[in-house]
All heavy atoms as atom14 arrays in JSON, in Angstrom:
{
  "sequence": "ITVTINGDEYAREQLINQLKKLHNVKQVKLLENEITVERELMLIKVK",
  "atom14_mask": [
    [1, 1, 1, 1, 1, 1, 1, 1, 0, 0, 0, 0, 0, 0],
    [1, 1, 1, 1, 1, 1, 1, 0, 0, 0, 0, 0, 0, 0],
    [1, 1, 1, 1, 1, 1, 1, 0, 0, 0, 0, 0, 0, 0],
    [1, 1, 1, 1, 1, 1, 1, 0, 0, 0, 0, 0, 0, 0],
    [1, 1, 1, 1, 1, 1, 1, 1, 0, 0, 0, 0, 0, 0],
    [1, 1, 1, 1, 1, 1, 1, 1, 0, 0, 0, 0, 0, 0],
    [1, 1, 1, 1, 0, 0, 0, 0, 0, 0, 0, 0, 0, 0],
    [1, 1, 1, 1, 1, 1, 1, 1, 0, 0, 0, 0, 0, 0],
    [1, 1, 1, 1, 1, 1, 1, 1, 1, 0, 0, 0, 0, 0],
    [1, 1, 1, 1, 1, 1, 1, 1, 1, 1, 1, 1, 0, 0],
    [1, 1, 1, 1, 1, 0, 0, 0, 0, 0, 0, 0, 0, 0],
    [1, 1, 1, 1, 1, 1, 1, 1, 1, 1, 1, 0, 0, 0],
    [1, 1, 1, 1, 1, 1, 1, 1, 1, 0, 0, 0, 0, 0],
    [1, 1, 1, 1, 1, 1, 1, 1, 1, 0, 0, 0, 0, 0],
    [1, 1, 1, 1, 1, 1, 1, 1, 0, 0, 0, 0, 0, 0],
    [1, 1, 1, 1, 1, 1, 1, 1, 0, 0, 0, 0, 0, 0],
    [1, 1, 1, 1, 1, 1, 1, 1, 0, 0, 0, 0, 0, 0],
    [1, 1, 1, 1, 1, 1, 1, 1, 1, 0, 0, 0, 0, 0],
    [1, 1, 1, 1, 1, 1, 1, 1, 0, 0, 0, 0, 0, 0],
    [1, 1, 1, 1, 1, 1, 1, 1, 1, 0, 0, 0, 0, 0],
    [1, 1, 1, 1, 1, 1, 1, 1, 1, 0, 0, 0, 0, 0],
    [1, 1, 1, 1, 1, 1, 1, 1, 0, 0, 0, 0, 0, 0],
    [1, 1, 1, 1, 1, 1, 1, 1, 1, 1, 0, 0, 0, 0],
    [1, 1, 1, 1, 1, 1, 1, 1, 0, 0, 0, 0, 0, 0],
    [1, 1, 1, 1, 1, 1, 1, 0, 0, 0, 0, 0, 0, 0],
    [1, 1, 1, 1, 1, 1, 1, 1, 1, 0, 0, 0, 0, 0],
    [1, 1, 1, 1, 1, 1, 1, 1, 1, 0, 0, 0, 0, 0],
    [1, 1, 1, 1, 1, 1, 1, 0, 0, 0, 0, 0, 0, 0],
    [1, 1, 1, 1, 1, 1, 1, 1, 1, 0, 0, 0, 0, 0],
    [1, 1, 1, 1, 1, 1, 1, 1, 0, 0, 0, 0, 0, 0],
    [1, 1, 1, 1, 1, 1, 1, 1, 0, 0, 0, 0, 0, 0],
    [1, 1, 1, 1, 1, 1, 1, 1, 1, 0, 0, 0, 0, 0],
    [1, 1, 1, 1, 1, 1, 1, 1, 0, 0, 0, 0, 0, 0],
    [1, 1, 1, 1, 1, 1, 1, 1, 1, 0, 0, 0, 0, 0],
    [1, 1, 1, 1, 1, 1, 1, 1, 0, 0, 0, 0, 0, 0],
    [1, 1, 1, 1, 1, 1, 1, 0, 0, 0, 0, 0, 0, 0],
    [1, 1, 1, 1, 1, 1, 1, 0, 0, 0, 0, 0, 0, 0],
    [1, 1, 1, 1, 1, 1, 1, 1, 1, 0, 0, 0, 0, 0],
    [1, 1, 1, 1, 1, 1, 1, 1, 1, 1, 1, 0, 0, 0],
    [1, 1, 1, 1, 1, 1, 1, 1, 1, 0, 0, 0, 0, 0],
    [1, 1, 1, 1, 1, 1, 1, 1, 0, 0, 0, 0, 0, 0],
    [1, 1, 1, 1, 1, 1, 1, 1, 0, 0, 0, 0, 0, 0],
    [1, 1, 1, 1, 1, 1, 1, 1, 0, 0, 0, 0, 0, 0],
    [1, 1, 1, 1, 1, 1, 1, 1, 0, 0, 0, 0, 0, 0],
    [1, 1, 1, 1, 1, 1, 1, 1, 1, 0, 0, 0, 0, 0],
    [1, 1, 1, 1, 1, 1, 1, 0, 0, 0, 0, 0, 0, 0],
    [1, 1, 1, 1, 1, 1, 1, 1, 1, 0, 0, 0, 0, 0]
  ],
  "atom14_positions": [
    [[9.4, 6.47, -25.49], [8.66, 5.51, -24.71], [7.38, 5.19, -25.38], [6.68, 6.05, -25.89], [8.31, 6.22, -23.32], [9.59, 6.64, -22.6], [7.56, 5.26, -22.42], [9.36, 7.51, -21.39], [0.0, 0.0, 0.0], [0.0, 0.0, 0.0], [0.0, 0.0, 0.0], [0.0, 0.0, 0.0], [0.0, 0.0, 0.0], [0.0, 0.0, 0.0]],
    [[7.1, 3.84, -25.48], [5.82, 3.4, -26.08], [5.11, 2.68, -24.91], [5.59, 1.8, -24.37], [6.11, 2.4, -27.2], [6.95, 3.05, -28.19], [4.78, 2.04, -27.83], [0.0, 0.0, 0.0], [0.0, 0.0, 0.0], [0.0, 0.0, 0.0], [0.0, 0.0, 0.0], [0.0, 0.0, 0.0], [0.0, 0.0, 0.0], [0.0, 0.0, 0.0]],
    [[3.91, 3.12, -24.7], [3.08, 2.58, -23.61], [1.7, 2.16, -24.15], [1.1, 2.76, -24.97], [2.74, 3.72, -22.51], [2.01, 3.14, -21.34], [3.97, 4.44, -22.05], [0.0, 0.0, 0.0], [0.0, 0.0, 0.0], [0.0, 0.0, 0.0], [0.0, 0.0, 0.0], [0.0, 0.0, 0.0], [0.0, 0.0, 0.0], [0.0, 0.0, 0.0]],
    [[1.31, 0.9, -23.76], [-0.02, 0.42, -24.11], [-0.85, 0.34, -22.85], [-0.37, -0.12, -21.83], [-0.03, -0.93, -24.86], [0.55, -1.88, -23.98], [0.71, -0.82, -26.14], [0.0, 0.0, 0.0], [0.0, 0.0, 0.0], [0.0, 0.0, 0.0], [0.0, 0.0, 0.0], [0.0, 0.0, 0.0], [0.0, 0.0, 0.0], [0.0, 0.0, 0.0]],
    [[-2.16, 0.82, -22.92], [-2.99, 0.83, -21.81], [-4.44, 0.59, -22.22], [-4.82, 0.84, -23.41], [-2.86, 2.3, -21.16], [-1.5, 2.55, -20.68], [-3.9, 2.53, -20.12], [-1.34, 3.79, -19.9], [0.0, 0.0, 0.0], [0.0, 0.0, 0.0], [0.0, 0.0, 0.0], [0.0, 0.0, 0.0], [0.0, 0.0, 0.0], [0.0, 0.0, 0.0]],
    [[-5.18, 0.06, -21.28], [-6.7, -0.02, -21.57], [-7.37, 1.0, -20.77], [-7.04, 1.34, -19.59], [-7.17, -1.43, -21.09], [-6.65, -2.6, -21.96], [-6.47, -2.36, -23.07], [-6.53, -3.68, -21.25], [0.0, 0.0, 0.0], [0.0, 0.0, 0.0], [0.0, 0.0, 0.0], [0.0, 0.0, 0.0], [0.0, 0.0, 0.0], [0.0, 0.0, 0.0]],
    [[-8.37, 1.68, -21.41], [-9.08, 2.71, -20.83], [-10.17, 3.25, -21.76], [-10.29, 2.86, -22.92], [0.0, 0.0, 0.0], [0.0, 0.0, 0.0], [0.0, 0.0, 0.0], [0.0, 0.0, 0.0], [0.0, 0.0, 0.0], [0.0, 0.0, 0.0], [0.0, 0.0, 0.0], [0.0, 0.0, 0.0], [0.0, 0.0, 0.0], [0.0, 0.0, 0.0]],
    [[-11.01, 4.24, -21.16], [-11.96, 4.88, -22.07], [-11.41, 6.17, -22.72], [-10.21, 6.55, -22.44], [-13.28, 5.14, -21.19], [-13.04, 5.97, -20.02], [-11.99, 6.71, -19.99], [-13.86, 5.96, -19.13], [0.0, 0.0, 0.0], [0.0, 0.0, 0.0], [0.0, 0.0, 0.0], [0.0, 0.0, 0.0], [0.0, 0.0, 0.0], [0.0, 0.0, 0.0]],
    [[-12.25, 6.84, -23.48], [-11.8, 8.01, -24.07], [-11.38, 9.17, -23.15], [-10.34, 9.78, -23.44], [-12.93, 8.51, -25.13], [-13.42, 7.59, -26.14], [-12.26, 7.21, -27.24], [-11.6, 8.14, -27.63], [-12.15, 6.04, -27.47], [0.0, 0.0, 0.0], [0.0, 0.0, 0.0], [0.0, 0.0, 0.0], [0.0, 0.0, 0.0], [0.0, 0.0, 0.0]],
    [[-12.06, 9.23, -22.14], [-11.81, 10.3, -21.19], [-10.46, 10.06, -20.48], [-9.6, 10.98, -20.39], [-12.92, 10.34, -20.06], [-12.57, 11.32, -18.92], [-12.74, 12.67, -19.11], [-12.06, 10.89, -17.71], [-12.39, 13.61, -18.15], [-11.83, 11.82, -16.71], [-11.94, 13.2, -16.96], [-11.61, 14.06, -15.92], [0.0, 0.0, 0.0], [0.0, 0.0, 0.0]],
    [[-10.18, 8.81, -20.1], [-8.99, 8.45, -19.5], [-7.79, 8.67, -20.44], [-6.74, 9.19, -20.13], [-8.98, 7.03, -19.09], [0.0, 0.0, 0.0], [0.0, 0.0, 0.0], [0.0, 0.0, 0.0], [0.0, 0.0, 0.0], [0.0, 0.0, 0.0], [0.0, 0.0, 0.0], [0.0, 0.0, 0.0], [0.0, 0.0, 0.0], [0.0, 0.0, 0.0]],
    [[-7.95, 8.27, -21.68], [-6.95, 8.5, -22.74], [-6.55, 9.94, -22.81], [-5.34, 10.35, -22.79], [-7.42, 7.97, -24.09], [-6.38, 8.09, -25.22], [-6.96, 7.75, -26.48], [-7.8, 8.83, -26.93], [-8.63, 8.72, -27.95], [-8.75, 7.72, -28.7], [-9.43, 9.73, -28.3], [0.0, 0.0, 0.0], [0.0, 0.0, 0.0], [0.0, 0.0, 0.0]],
    [[-7.55, 10.85, -22.89], [-7.28, 12.32, -23.03], [-6.59, 12.82, -21.81], [-5.67, 13.61, -21.87], [-8.61, 13.06, -23.3], [-9.19, 12.76, -24.69], [-8.18, 13.05, -25.91], [-7.51, 14.05, -25.88], [-8.09, 12.13, -26.7], [0.0, 0.0, 0.0], [0.0, 0.0, 0.0], [0.0, 0.0, 0.0], [0.0, 0.0, 0.0], [0.0, 0.0, 0.0]],
    [[-6.97, 12.42, -20.63], [-6.37, 12.82, -19.38], [-4.95, 12.47, -19.32], [-4.08, 13.19, -18.9], [-7.12, 12.26, -18.17], [-8.51, 12.87, -17.97], [-8.3, 14.31, -17.53], [-8.71, 15.21, -18.35], [-7.78, 14.62, -16.39], [0.0, 0.0, 0.0], [0.0, 0.0, 0.0], [0.0, 0.0, 0.0], [0.0, 0.0, 0.0], [0.0, 0.0, 0.0]],
    [[-4.61, 11.2, -19.69], [-3.25, 10.7, -19.68], [-2.35, 11.55, -20.58], [-1.32, 11.9, -20.32], [-3.15, 9.2, -19.96], [-3.69, 8.28, -18.89], [-3.81, 6.95, -19.45], [-2.84, 8.34, -17.78], [0.0, 0.0, 0.0], [0.0, 0.0, 0.0], [0.0, 0.0, 0.0], [0.0, 0.0, 0.0], [0.0, 0.0, 0.0], [0.0, 0.0, 0.0]],
    [[-2.92, 11.75, -21.76], [-2.07, 12.52, -22.85], [-1.84, 13.95, -22.31], [-0.68, 14.38, -22.41], [-2.77, 12.52, -24.2], [-2.73, 11.05, -24.78], [-2.17, 13.56, -25.11], [-3.69, 10.88, -26.05], [0.0, 0.0, 0.0], [0.0, 0.0, 0.0], [0.0, 0.0, 0.0], [0.0, 0.0, 0.0], [0.0, 0.0, 0.0], [0.0, 0.0, 0.0]],
    [[-2.86, 14.51, -21.76], [-2.65, 15.97, -21.22], [-1.64, 15.96, -20.07], [-0.91, 16.83, -19.92], [-3.99, 16.46, -20.79], [-4.85, 16.83, -22.02], [-4.35, 17.05, -23.16], [-6.27, 16.71, -21.84], [0.0, 0.0, 0.0], [0.0, 0.0, 0.0], [0.0, 0.0, 0.0], [0.0, 0.0, 0.0], [0.0, 0.0, 0.0], [0.0, 0.0, 0.0]],
    [[-1.74, 14.94, -19.16], [-0.9, 14.91, -18.01], [0.59, 14.63, -18.49], [1.53, 15.2, -17.89], [-1.34, 13.87, -16.94], [-2.64, 14.21, -16.32], [-2.47, 15.44, -15.52], [-1.58, 15.75, -14.81], [-3.57, 16.36, -15.68], [0.0, 0.0, 0.0], [0.0, 0.0, 0.0], [0.0, 0.0, 0.0], [0.0, 0.0, 0.0], [0.0, 0.0, 0.0]],
    [[0.72, 13.79, -19.41], [2.1, 13.49, -19.96], [2.74, 14.71, -20.57], [3.93, 14.96, -20.32], [2.05, 12.33, -21.03], [1.83, 10.96, -20.39], [1.53, 9.92, -21.58], [3.13, 10.47, -19.71], [0.0, 0.0, 0.0], [0.0, 0.0, 0.0], [0.0, 0.0, 0.0], [0.0, 0.0, 0.0], [0.0, 0.0, 0.0], [0.0, 0.0, 0.0]],
    [[1.97, 15.46, -21.25], [2.48, 16.68, -21.88], [2.98, 17.73, -20.94], [3.86, 18.55, -21.24], [1.35, 17.36, -22.75], [1.06, 16.56, -24.07], [0.04, 17.3, -24.84], [-0.31, 16.51, -26.11], [-1.37, 17.12, -26.88], [0.0, 0.0, 0.0], [0.0, 0.0, 0.0], [0.0, 0.0, 0.0], [0.0, 0.0, 0.0], [0.0, 0.0, 0.0]],
    [[2.5, 17.67, -19.64], [2.86, 18.62, -18.56], [4.2, 18.16, -17.92], [4.73, 19.05, -17.23], [1.81, 18.69, -17.55], [0.54, 19.36, -18.1], [-0.55, 19.43, -17.04], [-1.87, 19.92, -17.54], [-2.82, 19.9, -16.54], [0.0, 0.0, 0.0], [0.0, 0.0, 0.0], [0.0, 0.0, 0.0], [0.0, 0.0, 0.0], [0.0, 0.0, 0.0]],
    [[4.61, 16.92, -18.13], [5.81, 16.49, -17.39], [7.15, 17.17, -17.87], [7.24, 17.33, -19.07], [5.86, 14.93, -17.48], [4.91, 14.11, -16.71], [5.03, 12.63, -17.05], [4.93, 14.38, -15.27], [0.0, 0.0, 0.0], [0.0, 0.0, 0.0], [0.0, 0.0, 0.0], [0.0, 0.0, 0.0], [0.0, 0.0, 0.0], [0.0, 0.0, 0.0]],
    [[8.06, 17.38, -16.93], [9.32, 17.89, -17.3], [10.05, 16.9, -18.14], [9.92, 15.72, -17.89], [10.02, 18.17, -15.94], [11.39, 18.85, -16.15], [11.58, 20.03, -16.67], [12.62, 18.4, -15.89], [12.8, 20.38, -16.73], [13.49, 19.37, -16.21], [0.0, 0.0, 0.0], [0.0, 0.0, 0.0], [0.0, 0.0, 0.0], [0.0, 0.0, 0.0]],
    [[10.78, 17.36, -19.12], [11.64, 16.57, -20.03], [10.81, 15.85, -21.14], [11.41, 15.16, -21.93], [12.51, 15.55, -19.33], [13.45, 16.19, -18.34], [13.41, 15.98, -17.2], [14.41, 17.01, -18.86], [0.0, 0.0, 0.0], [0.0, 0.0, 0.0], [0.0, 0.0, 0.0], [0.0, 0.0, 0.0], [0.0, 0.0, 0.0], [0.0, 0.0, 0.0]],
    [[9.44, 15.96, -21.13], [8.67, 15.39, -22.21], [8.54, 16.4, -23.3], [8.04, 17.47, -23.13], [7.24, 14.96, -21.67], [6.35, 14.57, -22.84], [7.35, 13.89, -20.66], [0.0, 0.0, 0.0], [0.0, 0.0, 0.0], [0.0, 0.0, 0.0], [0.0, 0.0, 0.0], [0.0, 0.0, 0.0], [0.0, 0.0, 0.0], [0.0, 0.0, 0.0]],
    [[8.96, 15.99, -24.49], [9.0, 16.82, -25.66], [7.73, 16.75, -26.46], [7.27, 17.72, -27.1], [10.22, 16.61, -26.54], [11.54, 16.94, -25.84], [11.49, 18.37, -25.38], [12.63, 18.77, -24.55], [12.44, 20.03, -23.81], [0.0, 0.0, 0.0], [0.0, 0.0, 0.0], [0.0, 0.0, 0.0], [0.0, 0.0, 0.0], [0.0, 0.0, 0.0]],
    [[7.23, 15.44, -26.65], [6.02, 15.31, -27.46], [5.33, 14.0, -26.97], [5.96, 13.1, -26.6], [6.35, 15.19, -28.97], [5.14, 15.12, -29.79], [5.43, 15.04, -31.32], [6.62, 15.0, -31.74], [4.43, 15.1, -32.1], [0.0, 0.0, 0.0], [0.0, 0.0, 0.0], [0.0, 0.0, 0.0], [0.0, 0.0, 0.0], [0.0, 0.0, 0.0]],
    [[3.99, 14.03, -27.11], [3.17, 12.93, -26.84], [2.23, 12.7, -27.96], [1.62, 13.69, -28.44], [2.3, 13.12, -25.46], [1.46, 11.93, -25.18], [3.22, 13.43, -24.38], [0.0, 0.0, 0.0], [0.0, 0.0, 0.0], [0.0, 0.0, 0.0], [0.0, 0.0, 0.0], [0.0, 0.0, 0.0], [0.0, 0.0, 0.0], [0.0, 0.0, 0.0]],
    [[2.09, 11.44, -28.45], [1.28, 11.19, -29.57], [0.46, 9.89, -29.41], [1.02, 8.87, -29.02], [2.14, 11.05, -30.84], [1.36, 11.14, -32.06], [2.29, 11.34, -33.26], [1.57, 11.75, -34.5], [2.42, 12.05, -35.59], [0.0, 0.0, 0.0], [0.0, 0.0, 0.0], [0.0, 0.0, 0.0], [0.0, 0.0, 0.0], [0.0, 0.0, 0.0]],
    [[-0.78, 9.94, -29.59], [-1.63, 8.69, -29.7], [-1.42, 8.09, -31.02], [-1.54, 8.74, -32.09], [-3.15, 9.11, -29.44], [-4.16, 7.97, -29.59], [-3.94, 7.01, -28.42], [-5.51, 8.44, -29.73], [0.0, 0.0, 0.0], [0.0, 0.0, 0.0], [0.0, 0.0, 0.0], [0.0, 0.0, 0.0], [0.0, 0.0, 0.0], [0.0, 0.0, 0.0]],
    [[-1.15, 6.77, -31.04], [-0.86, 6.06, -32.28], [-2.15, 5.32, -32.58], [-2.57, 4.42, -31.88], [0.3, 5.11, -32.15], [1.62, 5.79, -31.75], [2.72, 4.79, -31.55], [2.06, 6.83, -32.81], [0.0, 0.0, 0.0], [0.0, 0.0, 0.0], [0.0, 0.0, 0.0], [0.0, 0.0, 0.0], [0.0, 0.0, 0.0], [0.0, 0.0, 0.0]],
    [[-2.76, 5.75, -33.66], [-4.05, 5.13, -34.12], [-3.87, 3.76, -34.79], [-2.87, 3.57, -35.56], [-4.78, 6.05, -35.14], [-5.08, 7.42, -34.64], [-6.19, 7.49, -33.61], [-6.91, 6.47, -33.5], [-6.29, 8.5, -32.91], [0.0, 0.0, 0.0], [0.0, 0.0, 0.0], [0.0, 0.0, 0.0], [0.0, 0.0, 0.0], [0.0, 0.0, 0.0]],
    [[-4.61, 2.76, -34.42], [-4.39, 1.39, -34.86], [-4.31, 1.29, -36.41], [-3.48, 0.52, -36.88], [-5.61, 0.52, -34.39], [-5.47, 0.25, -32.94], [-4.49, 0.38, -32.33], [-6.66, -0.21, -32.33], [0.0, 0.0, 0.0], [0.0, 0.0, 0.0], [0.0, 0.0, 0.0], [0.0, 0.0, 0.0], [0.0, 0.0, 0.0], [0.0, 0.0, 0.0]],
    [[-5.17, 2.04, -37.14], [-5.27, 1.84, -38.57], [-3.96, 2.28, -39.25], [-3.68, 1.78, -40.37], [-6.41, 2.66, -39.13], [-7.71, 2.32, -38.55], [-7.98, 3.03, -37.14], [-7.55, 4.21, -37.02], [-8.48, 2.39, -36.28], [0.0, 0.0, 0.0], [0.0, 0.0, 0.0], [0.0, 0.0, 0.0], [0.0, 0.0, 0.0], [0.0, 0.0, 0.0]],
    [[-3.24, 3.2, -38.67], [-1.98, 3.69, -39.39], [-0.79, 3.47, -38.59], [0.22, 4.16, -38.76], [-2.18, 5.23, -39.66], [-2.4, 5.96, -38.32], [-3.28, 5.45, -40.68], [-2.3, 7.51, -38.48], [0.0, 0.0, 0.0], [0.0, 0.0, 0.0], [0.0, 0.0, 0.0], [0.0, 0.0, 0.0], [0.0, 0.0, 0.0], [0.0, 0.0, 0.0]],
    [[-0.77, 2.37, -37.74], [0.41, 2.14, -36.9], [0.97, 0.69, -37.16], [0.09, -0.27, -37.25], [0.0, 2.33, -35.44], [-0.39, 3.6, -35.28], [1.23, 2.0, -34.53], [0.0, 0.0, 0.0], [0.0, 0.0, 0.0], [0.0, 0.0, 0.0], [0.0, 0.0, 0.0], [0.0, 0.0, 0.0], [0.0, 0.0, 0.0], [0.0, 0.0, 0.0]],
    [[2.21, 0.51, -37.17], [2.92, -0.74, -37.23], [3.31, -1.08, -35.81], [4.04, -0.21, -35.23], [4.07, -0.78, -38.12], [4.69, -2.1, -38.18], [3.59, -0.4, -39.61], [0.0, 0.0, 0.0], [0.0, 0.0, 0.0], [0.0, 0.0, 0.0], [0.0, 0.0, 0.0], [0.0, 0.0, 0.0], [0.0, 0.0, 0.0], [0.0, 0.0, 0.0]],
    [[2.92, -2.26, -35.28], [3.28, -2.66, -33.95], [4.1, -3.95, -34.02], [3.73, -4.83, -34.78], [2.11, -2.87, -33.06], [1.3, -1.67, -32.73], [0.19, -1.98, -31.76], [0.17, -3.02, -31.05], [-0.83, -1.11, -31.8], [0.0, 0.0, 0.0], [0.0, 0.0, 0.0], [0.0, 0.0, 0.0], [0.0, 0.0, 0.0], [0.0, 0.0, 0.0]],
    [[5.08, -4.06, -33.2], [5.89, -5.28, -33.08], [6.23, -5.6, -31.65], [6.37, -4.61, -30.85], [7.16, -5.25, -33.96], [6.83, -5.27, -35.35], [6.24, -6.55, -35.91], [5.99, -6.61, -37.41], [4.82, -6.33, -37.85], [3.83, -5.84, -37.24], [4.69, -6.34, -39.24], [0.0, 0.0, 0.0], [0.0, 0.0, 0.0], [0.0, 0.0, 0.0]],
    [[6.44, -6.86, -31.34], [6.91, -7.25, -30.05], [7.89, -8.48, -30.21], [7.76, -9.15, -31.19], [5.64, -7.61, -29.23], [6.01, -7.87, -27.81], [4.68, -8.14, -26.92], [3.53, -7.97, -27.49], [4.79, -8.51, -25.77], [0.0, 0.0, 0.0], [0.0, 0.0, 0.0], [0.0, 0.0, 0.0], [0.0, 0.0, 0.0], [0.0, 0.0, 0.0]],
    [[8.69, -8.6, -29.24], [9.63, -9.78, -29.25], [9.3, -10.64, -27.95], [9.04, -10.1, -26.94], [11.06, -9.33, -29.17], [12.11, -10.35, -28.81], [12.24, -11.4, -29.89], [13.45, -9.67, -28.49], [0.0, 0.0, 0.0], [0.0, 0.0, 0.0], [0.0, 0.0, 0.0], [0.0, 0.0, 0.0], [0.0, 0.0, 0.0], [0.0, 0.0, 0.0]],
    [[9.3, -11.97, -28.18], [9.11, -12.81, -27.04], [10.13, -14.0, -27.09], [10.38, -14.5, -28.18], [7.7, -13.43, -27.0], [7.53, -14.46, -25.89], [5.88, -15.31, -25.91], [5.89, -16.18, -27.46], [0.0, 0.0, 0.0], [0.0, 0.0, 0.0], [0.0, 0.0, 0.0], [0.0, 0.0, 0.0], [0.0, 0.0, 0.0], [0.0, 0.0, 0.0]],
    [[10.69, -14.35, -25.97], [11.48, -15.58, -25.85], [10.61, -16.5, -25.0], [10.12, -16.13, -23.96], [12.79, -15.3, -25.19], [13.7, -14.36, -25.9], [14.99, -14.16, -25.09], [14.02, -14.74, -27.33], [0.0, 0.0, 0.0], [0.0, 0.0, 0.0], [0.0, 0.0, 0.0], [0.0, 0.0, 0.0], [0.0, 0.0, 0.0], [0.0, 0.0, 0.0]],
    [[10.5, -17.8, -25.42], [9.65, -18.72, -24.78], [10.38, -20.1, -24.71], [10.91, -20.51, -25.74], [8.2, -18.83, -25.45], [7.25, -19.8, -24.64], [8.38, -19.25, -26.87], [5.87, -19.61, -25.01], [0.0, 0.0, 0.0], [0.0, 0.0, 0.0], [0.0, 0.0, 0.0], [0.0, 0.0, 0.0], [0.0, 0.0, 0.0], [0.0, 0.0, 0.0]],
    [[10.49, -20.7, -23.56], [11.09, -21.99, -23.38], [9.95, -23.03, -23.2], [9.12, -22.83, -22.28], [11.98, -21.99, -22.2], [12.88, -23.22, -22.1], [13.7, -23.29, -20.83], [14.71, -22.1, -20.82], [15.52, -22.06, -19.57], [0.0, 0.0, 0.0], [0.0, 0.0, 0.0], [0.0, 0.0, 0.0], [0.0, 0.0, 0.0], [0.0, 0.0, 0.0]],
    [[9.92, -24.03, -24.02], [8.92, -25.01, -23.93], [9.5, -26.45, -23.65], [10.56, -26.7, -24.2], [8.26, -25.12, -25.39], [7.04, -26.09, -25.33], [7.72, -23.69, -25.75], [0.0, 0.0, 0.0], [0.0, 0.0, 0.0], [0.0, 0.0, 0.0], [0.0, 0.0, 0.0], [0.0, 0.0, 0.0], [0.0, 0.0, 0.0], [0.0, 0.0, 0.0]],
    [[8.81, -27.2, -22.83], [9.17, -28.58, -22.64], [9.08, -29.38, -23.89], [8.13, -29.21, -24.76], [8.25, -29.24, -21.57], [8.32, -28.74, -20.21], [7.38, -29.51, -19.36], [7.27, -28.86, -17.98], [6.16, -29.41, -17.17], [0.0, 0.0, 0.0], [0.0, 0.0, 0.0], [0.0, 0.0, 0.0], [0.0, 0.0, 0.0], [0.0, 0.0, 0.0]]
  ]
}
């Protein structure tokens, strides 16, 4: 699962800690911008 969210440092740490506690979650990792490749796909219909 890849999730993007806006928040402050405290919120980020809280979310990571809460995710780690969930059943069936094996690992949680913050992906740092400088060392991460991101991609997205969009379909757009234009007049």
